[in-house]
């Protein structure tokens, strides 16, 4: 699943993939809130909505990568129950290859059925 969120207005753009069907893991690709709208709980709401959509698709967990220098985002995800997962250096997945100079933390959360 690729979810990109734009706020305001609250808009989700989704492209479901075969990956979800095989693994039961949804992936949050990007959560972004305009600078002037930050510190209002919007990112927390967006993450919760992404988790709910993943749950409705039958996913058992949600995964994401977070830039380790983005302390606010790390705090957000940890406060929402995401746990850091150690990934071997030579792993093919999960490892974003966008910018090799950026270090990412791989995080996951179980999303049990309601």
C-alpha atoms as a PDB file:
ATOM      1  CA  UNK A   1       0.000   0.000   0.000  1.00  0.00           C
ATOM      2  CA  UNK A   2       1.242   3.423  -0.817  1.00  0.00           C
ATOM      3  CA  UNK A   3      -0.438   6.167   1.144  1.00  0.00           C
ATOM      4  CA  UNK A   4       0.379   9.790   0.643  1.00  0.00           C
ATOM      5  CA  UNK A   5      -1.539  12.248   2.736  1.00  0.00           C
ATOM      6  CA  UNK A   6      -2.055  15.942   2.118  1.00  0.00           C
ATOM      7  CA  UNK A   7      -3.552  18.194   4.783  1.00  0.00           C
ATOM      8  CA  UNK A   8      -5.487  20.455   4.434  1.00  0.00           C
ATOM      9  CA  UNK A   9      -7.685  19.173   2.965  1.00  0.00           C
ATOM     10  CA  UNK A  10      -7.450  15.666   4.373  1.00  0.00           C
ATOM     11  CA  UNK A  11      -6.863  13.550   1.297  1.00  0.00           C
ATOM     12  CA  UNK A  12      -5.529  10.010   0.953  1.00  0.00           C
ATOM     13  CA  UNK A  13      -4.010   8.778  -2.278  1.00  0.00           C
ATOM     14  CA  UNK A  14      -3.747   4.983  -2.306  1.00  0.00           C
ATOM     15  CA  UNK A  15      -2.342   2.398  -4.606  1.00  0.00           C
ATOM     16  CA  UNK A  16      -2.948  -1.077  -3.119  1.00  0.00           C
ATOM     17  CA  UNK A  17      -0.402  -3.671  -4.148  1.00  0.00           C
ATOM     18  CA  UNK A  18      -0.035  -7.426  -4.376  1.00  0.00           C
ATOM     19  CA  UNK A  19       2.536  -7.136  -1.591  1.00  0.00           C
ATOM     20  CA  UNK A  20      -0.216  -6.631   0.982  1.00  0.00           C
ATOM     21  CA  UNK A  21      -2.070  -9.725  -0.170  1.00  0.00           C
ATOM     22  CA  UNK A  22       1.041 -11.865   0.236  1.00  0.00           C
ATOM     23  CA  UNK A  23       2.361 -10.494   3.530  1.00  0.00           C
ATOM     24  CA  UNK A  24      -0.508  -8.888   5.434  1.00  0.00           C
ATOM     25  CA  UNK A  25       1.746  -5.877   6.045  1.00  0.00           C
ATOM     26  CA  UNK A  26       0.720  -2.369   5.009  1.00  0.00           C
ATOM     27  CA  UNK A  27       3.444   0.219   4.482  1.00  0.00           C
ATOM     28  CA  UNK A  28       3.059   3.910   5.252  1.00  0.00           C
ATOM     29  CA  UNK A  29       5.151   5.591   2.585  1.00  0.00           C
ATOM     30  CA  UNK A  30       4.719   9.203   3.651  1.00  0.00           C
ATOM     31  CA  UNK A  31       2.957  11.296   6.258  1.00  0.00           C
ATOM     32  CA  UNK A  32       3.322  15.040   5.822  1.00  0.00           C
ATOM     33  CA  UNK A  33       1.612  18.013   7.443  1.00  0.00           C
ATOM     34  CA  UNK A  34       2.142  21.575   6.264  1.00  0.00           C
ATOM     35  CA  UNK A  35       4.427  23.521   8.572  1.00  0.00           C
ATOM     36  CA  UNK A  36       1.721  25.997   9.614  1.00  0.00           C
ATOM     37  CA  UNK A  37      -0.607  23.117  10.575  1.00  0.00           C
ATOM     38  CA  UNK A  38       1.855  21.175  12.749  1.00  0.00           C
ATOM     39  CA  UNK A  39       1.533  20.577  16.507  1.00  0.00           C
ATOM     40  CA  UNK A  40      -2.255  20.181  16.239  1.00  0.00           C
ATOM     41  CA  UNK A  41      -2.484  16.370  16.390  1.00  0.00           C
ATOM     42  CA  UNK A  42      -3.008  16.061  12.646  1.00  0.00           C
ATOM     43  CA  UNK A  43      -0.139  13.611  12.038  1.00  0.00           C
ATOM     44  CA  UNK A  44      -1.437  11.388  14.837  1.00  0.00           C
ATOM     45  CA  UNK A  45      -4.871  11.423  13.205  1.00  0.00           C
ATOM     46  CA  UNK A  46      -3.398  10.600   9.789  1.00  0.00           C
ATOM     47  CA  UNK A  47      -1.404   7.656  11.142  1.00  0.00           C
ATOM     48  CA  UNK A  48      -4.506   6.353  12.931  1.00  0.00           C
ATOM     49  CA  UNK A  49      -6.506   6.608   9.698  1.00  0.00           C
ATOM     50  CA  UNK A  50      -3.789   4.771   7.746  1.00  0.00           C
ATOM     51  CA  UNK A  51      -3.830   2.015  10.392  1.00  0.00           C
ATOM     52  CA  UNK A  52      -7.611   1.749  10.156  1.00  0.00           C
ATOM     53  CA  UNK A  53      -7.450   1.412   6.381  1.00  0.00           C
ATOM     54  CA  UNK A  54      -4.774  -1.266   6.704  1.00  0.00           C
ATOM     55  CA  UNK A  55      -6.965  -3.117   9.199  1.00  0.00           C
ATOM     56  CA  UNK A  56      -9.953  -2.901   6.836  1.00  0.00           C
ATOM     57  CA  UNK A  57      -7.799  -4.484   4.102  1.00  0.00           C
ATOM     58  CA  UNK A  58      -7.054  -7.423   6.387  1.00  0.00           C
ATOM     59  CA  UNK A  59      -3.503  -6.409   7.268  1.00  0.00           C
ATOM     60  CA  UNK A  60      -2.046  -7.656  10.535  1.00  0.00           C
ATOM     61  CA  UNK A  61       0.610  -4.967  10.859  1.00  0.00           C
ATOM     62  CA  UNK A  62       1.828  -1.641   9.527  1.00  0.00           C
ATOM     63  CA  UNK A  63       5.435  -0.815   8.675  1.00  0.00           C
ATOM     64  CA  UNK A  64       7.273   2.410   7.902  1.00  0.00           C
ATOM     65  CA  UNK A  65      10.701   3.958   7.675  1.00  0.00           C
ATOM     66  CA  UNK A  66      11.593   7.132   9.547  1.00  0.00           C
ATOM     67  CA  UNK A  67      14.632   9.354   9.045  1.00  0.00           C
ATOM     68  CA  UNK A  68      16.565   9.032  12.337  1.00  0.00           C
ATOM     69  CA  UNK A  69      17.273  12.779  12.322  1.00  0.00           C
ATOM     70  CA  UNK A  70      13.521  13.531  12.365  1.00  0.00           C
ATOM     71  CA  UNK A  71      13.095  13.364  16.134  1.00  0.00           C
ATOM     72  CA  UNK A  72       9.523  14.681  16.097  1.00  0.00           C
ATOM     73  CA  UNK A  73       8.442  11.897  13.731  1.00  0.00           C
ATOM     74  CA  UNK A  74      10.264   9.245  15.777  1.00  0.00           C
ATOM     75  CA  UNK A  75       8.482  10.488  18.925  1.00  0.00           C
ATOM     76  CA  UNK A  76       5.145  10.428  17.115  1.00  0.00           C
ATOM     77  CA  UNK A  77       5.512   6.852  15.885  1.00  0.00           C
ATOM     78  CA  UNK A  78       6.809   5.566  19.229  1.00  0.00           C
ATOM     79  CA  UNK A  79       3.918   7.275  21.037  1.00  0.00           C
ATOM     80  CA  UNK A  80       1.525   5.449  18.690  1.00  0.00           C
ATOM     81  CA  UNK A  81       3.001   2.049  19.535  1.00  0.00           C
ATOM     82  CA  UNK A  82       5.509   1.557  16.712  1.00  0.00           C
ATOM     83  CA  UNK A  83       8.592  -0.479  17.632  1.00  0.00           C
ATOM     84  CA  UNK A  84      12.011  -0.277  16.023  1.00  0.00           C
ATOM     85  CA  UNK A  85      12.949  -3.430  14.139  1.00  0.00           C
ATOM     86  CA  UNK A  86      16.580  -4.283  13.494  1.00  0.00           C
ATOM     87  CA  UNK A  87      17.194  -5.051   9.835  1.00  0.00           C
ATOM     88  CA  UNK A  88      20.404  -6.833   8.723  1.00  0.00           C
ATOM     89  CA  UNK A  89      22.749  -4.616   6.686  1.00  0.00           C
ATOM     90  CA  UNK A  90      22.511  -6.859   3.616  1.00  0.00           C
ATOM     91  CA  UNK A  91      18.709  -7.174   3.645  1.00  0.00           C
ATOM     92  CA  UNK A  92      17.009  -6.457   0.319  1.00  0.00           C
ATOM     93  CA  UNK A  93      13.794  -5.385   2.056  1.00  0.00           C
ATOM     94  CA  UNK A  94      12.848  -3.312   3.961  1.00  0.00           C
ATOM     95  CA  UNK A  95      15.375  -0.669   3.020  1.00  0.00           C
ATOM     96  CA  UNK A  96      14.524   2.524   1.141  1.00  0.00           C
ATOM     97  CA  UNK A  97      17.227   3.340  -1.407  1.00  0.00           C
ATOM     98  CA  UNK A  98      16.258   6.952  -2.041  1.00  0.00           C
ATOM     99  CA  UNK A  99      19.291   8.575  -0.422  1.00  0.00           C
ATOM    100  CA  UNK A 100      22.156   6.482   0.916  1.00  0.00           C
ATOM    101  CA  UNK A 101      23.367   9.394   3.094  1.00  0.00           C
ATOM    102  CA  UNK A 102      20.162   9.301   5.173  1.00  0.00           C
ATOM    103  CA  UNK A 103      19.829   6.742   7.948  1.00  0.00           C
ATOM    104  CA  UNK A 104      16.386   5.251   8.440  1.00  0.00           C
ATOM    105  CA  UNK A 105      14.748   3.487  11.353  1.00  0.00           C
ATOM    106  CA  UNK A 106      12.463   0.631  10.303  1.00  0.00           C
ATOM    107  CA  UNK A 107       9.395   0.463  12.545  1.00  0.00           C
ATOM    108  CA  UNK A 108       6.353  -1.794  12.785  1.00  0.00           C
ATOM    109  CA  UNK A 109       3.119  -2.006  14.726  1.00  0.00           C
ATOM    110  CA  UNK A 110       0.571  -4.785  15.043  1.00  0.00           C
ATOM    111  CA  UNK A 111      -2.950  -3.694  14.127  1.00  0.00           C
ATOM    112  CA  UNK A 112      -5.256  -6.313  15.621  1.00  0.00           C
ATOM    113  CA  UNK A 113      -8.804  -6.617  14.353  1.00  0.00           C
ATOM    114  CA  UNK A 114     -11.231  -4.300  16.115  1.00  0.00           C
END
